[in-house]
Structures are given as structure tokens and as C-alpha cells.
């Protein structure tokens, strides 16, 4: 694997509620299976799945503030994406380039 899955799992376990964490692991499992079935990268699918809910750790106010800082028009989606990117940028840059 080209990224340290264990460090990401440890970080998201601390960020997310227990139910959301279990959901994320389930999404990862399904994403890997789908990637394999369709000839795509299981590693990329795993990373995307693990990071998909990182923004959920922020309150709506925090999401709005992040979106304003970035001058984004969709505060919920954009800030959630930004939160995940901010938290895991080193992994994403290393893996996705």
C-alpha cells in the first residue's frame, strides 16, 4: 500500500463518532470490492473511502467558516472536503500526486 492506512485509521477513529467510524470502515470495504470488480485501484478506493467523512467532525458553524475562508459557495460540501484535505493532505499528495 502506498499510504499508511493504520495512521489514517487511528486519526479518523479519534475524529469520528463510533457509529460514523464503523460506517467509514464499511464504506472502505465496499469501495475496495467495487474497485477490484471494475479494474480500478483498491488502494485509491481505500484512501478515498477512509477520508470521505472527515468533514463530519466539524460543526455546521465550523463548516461555514471554512467555506468563507476559501470563498466557496457550497458551505457544507466544500468545507467538508476542505476539512478532509487539510487533515490528510500529506497522504493525498504522496499518493495522488
N, C-alpha and C. Protein backbone atom coordinates (compact mmCIF):
# COMPACT_ATOMS: atom_id res chain seq x y z
N UNK A 1 0.85 -1.17 0.00
CA UNK A 1 0.00 0.00 0.00
C UNK A 1 0.90 1.25 0.00
N UNK A 2 0.49 2.23 -0.76
CA UNK A 2 1.32 3.42 -0.91
C UNK A 2 1.05 4.50 0.14
N UNK A 3 0.17 4.25 1.06
CA UNK A 3 -0.07 5.19 2.16
C UNK A 3 -0.18 4.39 3.45
N UNK A 4 -0.01 5.06 4.56
CA UNK A 4 -0.05 4.40 5.86
C UNK A 4 -1.49 4.32 6.35
N UNK A 5 -2.17 3.25 5.99
CA UNK A 5 -3.57 3.09 6.34
C UNK A 5 -3.78 3.15 7.85
N UNK A 6 -2.89 2.53 8.61
CA UNK A 6 -3.07 2.49 10.06
C UNK A 6 -3.07 3.88 10.69
N UNK A 7 -2.21 4.76 10.19
CA UNK A 7 -2.19 6.12 10.77
C UNK A 7 -3.46 6.87 10.42
N UNK A 8 -3.99 6.64 9.23
CA UNK A 8 -5.25 7.28 8.86
C UNK A 8 -6.40 6.73 9.69
N UNK A 9 -6.44 5.41 9.84
CA UNK A 9 -7.50 4.80 10.65
C UNK A 9 -7.43 5.30 12.09
N UNK A 10 -6.23 5.40 12.66
CA UNK A 10 -6.10 5.92 14.03
C UNK A 10 -6.61 7.35 14.12
N UNK A 11 -6.29 8.17 13.13
CA UNK A 11 -6.71 9.57 13.16
C UNK A 11 -8.22 9.71 13.03
N UNK A 12 -8.82 8.98 12.09
CA UNK A 12 -10.26 9.13 11.92
C UNK A 12 -11.03 8.51 13.08
N UNK A 13 -10.46 7.52 13.72
CA UNK A 13 -11.13 6.94 14.89
C UNK A 13 -11.27 7.99 15.99
N UNK A 14 -10.27 8.85 16.12
CA UNK A 14 -10.33 9.92 17.11
C UNK A 14 -11.25 11.06 16.69
N UNK A 15 -11.42 11.25 15.38
CA UNK A 15 -12.22 12.37 14.87
C UNK A 15 -13.71 12.06 14.81
N UNK A 16 -14.07 10.82 14.53
CA UNK A 16 -15.46 10.46 14.24
C UNK A 16 -16.12 9.76 15.41
N UNK A 17 -17.44 9.82 15.43
CA UNK A 17 -18.18 9.06 16.45
C UNK A 17 -17.97 7.56 16.17
N UNK A 18 -18.19 6.72 17.16
CA UNK A 18 -18.03 5.27 16.94
C UNK A 18 -18.89 4.75 15.78
N UNK A 19 -20.14 5.22 15.69
CA UNK A 19 -21.01 4.77 14.60
C UNK A 19 -20.49 5.24 13.25
N UNK A 20 -20.04 6.48 13.17
CA UNK A 20 -19.52 7.03 11.91
C UNK A 20 -18.23 6.31 11.53
N UNK A 21 -17.41 5.98 12.51
CA UNK A 21 -16.17 5.25 12.25
C UNK A 21 -16.47 3.88 11.66
N UNK A 22 -17.41 3.16 12.26
CA UNK A 22 -17.79 1.83 11.73
C UNK A 22 -18.36 1.96 10.33
N UNK A 23 -19.16 3.00 10.10
CA UNK A 23 -19.70 3.26 8.76
C UNK A 23 -18.56 3.45 7.76
N UNK A 24 -17.56 4.23 8.14
CA UNK A 24 -16.43 4.52 7.25
C UNK A 24 -15.67 3.24 6.90
N UNK A 25 -15.47 2.37 7.88
CA UNK A 25 -14.79 1.10 7.59
C UNK A 25 -15.62 0.23 6.65
N UNK A 26 -16.94 0.28 6.80
CA UNK A 26 -17.81 -0.45 5.89
C UNK A 26 -17.75 0.11 4.47
N UNK A 27 -17.71 1.44 4.37
CA UNK A 27 -17.58 2.08 3.06
C UNK A 27 -16.25 1.68 2.43
N UNK A 28 -15.20 1.65 3.23
CA UNK A 28 -13.90 1.25 2.71
C UNK A 28 -13.96 -0.17 2.13
N UNK A 29 -14.55 -1.08 2.86
CA UNK A 29 -14.64 -2.47 2.41
C UNK A 29 -15.39 -2.56 1.08
N UNK A 30 -16.51 -1.87 0.99
CA UNK A 30 -17.30 -1.88 -0.25
C UNK A 30 -16.54 -1.21 -1.39
N UNK A 31 -15.86 -0.11 -1.10
CA UNK A 31 -15.10 0.61 -2.13
C UNK A 31 -13.99 -0.26 -2.70
N UNK A 32 -13.30 -0.99 -1.84
CA UNK A 32 -12.23 -1.88 -2.30
C UNK A 32 -12.81 -2.98 -3.18
N UNK A 33 -13.92 -3.57 -2.75
CA UNK A 33 -14.55 -4.63 -3.54
C UNK A 33 -14.99 -4.10 -4.91
N UNK A 34 -15.59 -2.92 -4.94
CA UNK A 34 -16.02 -2.34 -6.21
C UNK A 34 -14.83 -2.01 -7.11
N UNK A 35 -13.78 -1.48 -6.51
CA UNK A 35 -12.58 -1.14 -7.30
C UNK A 35 -12.01 -2.41 -7.95
N UNK A 36 -11.90 -3.47 -7.18
CA UNK A 36 -11.38 -4.73 -7.72
C UNK A 36 -12.28 -5.27 -8.83
N UNK A 37 -13.59 -5.19 -8.61
CA UNK A 37 -14.54 -5.71 -9.60
C UNK A 37 -14.49 -4.94 -10.91
N UNK A 38 -14.08 -3.68 -10.84
CA UNK A 38 -14.10 -2.83 -12.03
C UNK A 38 -12.70 -2.47 -12.53
N UNK A 39 -11.70 -3.19 -12.03
CA UNK A 39 -10.34 -2.98 -12.52
C UNK A 39 -9.72 -1.67 -12.12
N UNK A 40 -10.17 -1.11 -11.01
CA UNK A 40 -9.61 0.15 -10.51
C UNK A 40 -8.68 -0.13 -9.33
N UNK A 41 -8.02 0.89 -8.86
CA UNK A 41 -7.05 0.74 -7.78
C UNK A 41 -7.74 0.56 -6.42
N UNK A 42 -7.55 -0.60 -5.78
CA UNK A 42 -8.11 -0.78 -4.43
C UNK A 42 -7.51 0.18 -3.42
N UNK A 43 -6.23 0.53 -3.60
CA UNK A 43 -5.57 1.45 -2.66
C UNK A 43 -6.19 2.84 -2.73
N UNK A 44 -6.42 3.32 -3.94
CA UNK A 44 -7.05 4.64 -4.10
C UNK A 44 -8.47 4.62 -3.55
N UNK A 45 -9.19 3.54 -3.80
CA UNK A 45 -10.55 3.42 -3.29
C UNK A 45 -10.55 3.40 -1.76
N UNK A 46 -9.59 2.70 -1.18
CA UNK A 46 -9.47 2.64 0.28
C UNK A 46 -9.24 4.03 0.86
N UNK A 47 -8.28 4.75 0.29
CA UNK A 47 -7.97 6.09 0.80
C UNK A 47 -9.17 7.03 0.68
N UNK A 48 -9.81 7.03 -0.47
CA UNK A 48 -10.98 7.89 -0.67
C UNK A 48 -12.08 7.55 0.32
N UNK A 49 -12.32 6.27 0.53
CA UNK A 49 -13.37 5.84 1.46
C UNK A 49 -13.05 6.25 2.89
N UNK A 50 -11.80 6.07 3.29
CA UNK A 50 -11.41 6.43 4.66
C UNK A 50 -11.56 7.92 4.91
N UNK A 51 -11.33 8.73 3.90
CA UNK A 51 -11.36 10.18 4.08
C UNK A 51 -12.72 10.81 3.81
N UNK A 52 -13.68 10.04 3.31
CA UNK A 52 -14.91 10.63 2.80
C UNK A 52 -15.75 11.35 3.85
N UNK A 53 -15.64 11.02 5.12
CA UNK A 53 -16.46 11.65 6.15
C UNK A 53 -15.67 12.53 7.11
N UNK A 54 -14.46 12.88 6.78
CA UNK A 54 -13.64 13.68 7.70
C UNK A 54 -14.29 15.00 8.09
N UNK A 55 -14.98 15.62 7.17
CA UNK A 55 -15.64 16.89 7.46
C UNK A 55 -16.78 16.76 8.44
N UNK A 56 -17.25 15.56 8.65
CA UNK A 56 -18.36 15.36 9.59
C UNK A 56 -17.96 15.64 11.04
N UNK A 57 -16.67 15.72 11.29
CA UNK A 57 -16.20 16.01 12.64
C UNK A 57 -16.38 17.48 12.99
N UNK A 58 -16.66 18.32 11.98
CA UNK A 58 -16.83 19.75 12.21
C UNK A 58 -18.30 20.09 12.39
N UNK A 59 -18.55 21.11 13.20
CA UNK A 59 -19.91 21.60 13.35
C UNK A 59 -20.32 22.38 12.11
N UNK A 60 -21.59 22.68 11.98
CA UNK A 60 -22.05 23.48 10.83
C UNK A 60 -21.40 24.85 10.83
N UNK A 61 -21.22 25.44 12.00
CA UNK A 61 -20.57 26.75 12.07
C UNK A 61 -19.12 26.67 11.58
N UNK A 62 -18.42 25.62 11.98
CA UNK A 62 -17.04 25.44 11.52
C UNK A 62 -16.99 25.22 10.01
N UNK A 63 -17.96 24.46 9.49
CA UNK A 63 -18.02 24.24 8.05
C UNK A 63 -18.24 25.56 7.31
N UNK A 64 -19.17 26.37 7.82
CA UNK A 64 -19.42 27.67 7.18
C UNK A 64 -18.19 28.56 7.23
N UNK A 65 -17.50 28.58 8.36
CA UNK A 65 -16.29 29.40 8.48
C UNK A 65 -15.21 28.95 7.51
N UNK A 66 -15.02 27.64 7.39
CA UNK A 66 -14.04 27.12 6.44
C UNK A 66 -14.40 27.53 5.01
N UNK A 67 -15.68 27.40 4.68
CA UNK A 67 -16.13 27.76 3.33
C UNK A 67 -15.90 29.25 3.05
N UNK A 68 -16.19 30.09 4.03
CA UNK A 68 -15.97 31.54 3.85
C UNK A 68 -14.50 31.85 3.63
N UNK A 69 -13.63 31.22 4.40
CA UNK A 69 -12.19 31.44 4.24
C UNK A 69 -11.73 31.11 2.83
N UNK A 70 -12.34 30.07 2.27
CA UNK A 70 -11.94 29.61 0.94
C UNK A 70 -12.77 30.23 -0.18
N UNK A 71 -13.74 31.08 0.21
CA UNK A 71 -14.64 31.72 -0.77
C UNK A 71 -15.38 30.68 -1.62
N UNK A 72 -15.87 29.66 -0.95
CA UNK A 72 -16.60 28.59 -1.63
C UNK A 72 -18.09 28.83 -1.48
N UNK A 73 -18.86 28.42 -2.47
CA UNK A 73 -20.29 28.72 -2.48
C UNK A 73 -21.15 27.65 -1.81
N UNK A 74 -20.69 26.44 -1.68
CA UNK A 74 -21.46 25.38 -1.04
C UNK A 74 -20.81 25.06 0.30
N UNK A 75 -21.26 25.74 1.37
CA UNK A 75 -20.55 25.63 2.65
C UNK A 75 -20.45 24.22 3.20
N UNK A 76 -21.49 23.43 3.09
CA UNK A 76 -21.44 22.11 3.69
C UNK A 76 -20.50 21.19 2.90
N UNK A 77 -20.72 21.04 1.62
CA UNK A 77 -19.88 20.13 0.84
C UNK A 77 -18.46 20.62 0.70
N UNK A 78 -18.29 21.89 0.42
CA UNK A 78 -16.95 22.41 0.19
C UNK A 78 -16.10 22.38 1.45
N UNK A 79 -16.66 22.78 2.56
CA UNK A 79 -15.88 22.79 3.80
C UNK A 79 -15.59 21.38 4.27
N UNK A 80 -16.53 20.47 4.06
CA UNK A 80 -16.27 19.09 4.44
C UNK A 80 -15.10 18.54 3.63
N UNK A 81 -15.08 18.84 2.36
CA UNK A 81 -13.97 18.41 1.53
C UNK A 81 -12.67 19.05 1.99
N UNK A 82 -12.73 20.33 2.31
CA UNK A 82 -11.55 21.06 2.75
C UNK A 82 -11.03 20.49 4.07
N UNK A 83 -11.95 20.15 4.97
CA UNK A 83 -11.53 19.60 6.27
C UNK A 83 -10.78 18.29 6.07
N UNK A 84 -11.30 17.44 5.21
CA UNK A 84 -10.62 16.19 4.92
C UNK A 84 -9.27 16.43 4.28
N UNK A 85 -9.24 17.37 3.35
CA UNK A 85 -7.98 17.70 2.68
C UNK A 85 -6.97 18.26 3.67
N UNK A 86 -7.39 19.16 4.53
CA UNK A 86 -6.48 19.76 5.50
C UNK A 86 -5.91 18.70 6.44
N UNK A 87 -6.74 17.79 6.87
CA UNK A 87 -6.31 16.77 7.82
C UNK A 87 -5.38 15.73 7.18
N UNK A 88 -5.60 15.45 5.92
CA UNK A 88 -4.89 14.33 5.30
C UNK A 88 -4.12 14.71 4.05
N UNK A 89 -3.85 16.01 3.90
CA UNK A 89 -3.14 16.50 2.72
C UNK A 89 -1.83 15.74 2.46
N UNK A 90 -1.01 15.49 3.47
CA UNK A 90 0.24 14.77 3.20
C UNK A 90 0.02 13.40 2.56
N UNK A 91 -1.00 12.69 3.01
CA UNK A 91 -1.29 11.37 2.43
C UNK A 91 -1.78 11.52 1.00
N UNK A 92 -2.65 12.48 0.77
CA UNK A 92 -3.21 12.66 -0.57
C UNK A 92 -2.15 13.09 -1.55
N UNK A 93 -1.29 14.03 -1.15
CA UNK A 93 -0.24 14.49 -2.06
C UNK A 93 0.71 13.35 -2.39
N UNK A 94 1.09 12.60 -1.38
CA UNK A 94 2.02 11.50 -1.59
C UNK A 94 1.40 10.46 -2.54
N UNK A 95 0.13 10.17 -2.35
CA UNK A 95 -0.48 9.10 -3.10
C UNK A 95 -1.05 9.53 -4.45
N UNK A 96 -1.76 10.64 -4.44
CA UNK A 96 -2.44 11.08 -5.67
C UNK A 96 -1.60 12.06 -6.49
N UNK A 97 -0.54 12.59 -5.90
CA UNK A 97 0.35 13.47 -6.66
C UNK A 97 -0.04 14.88 -6.74
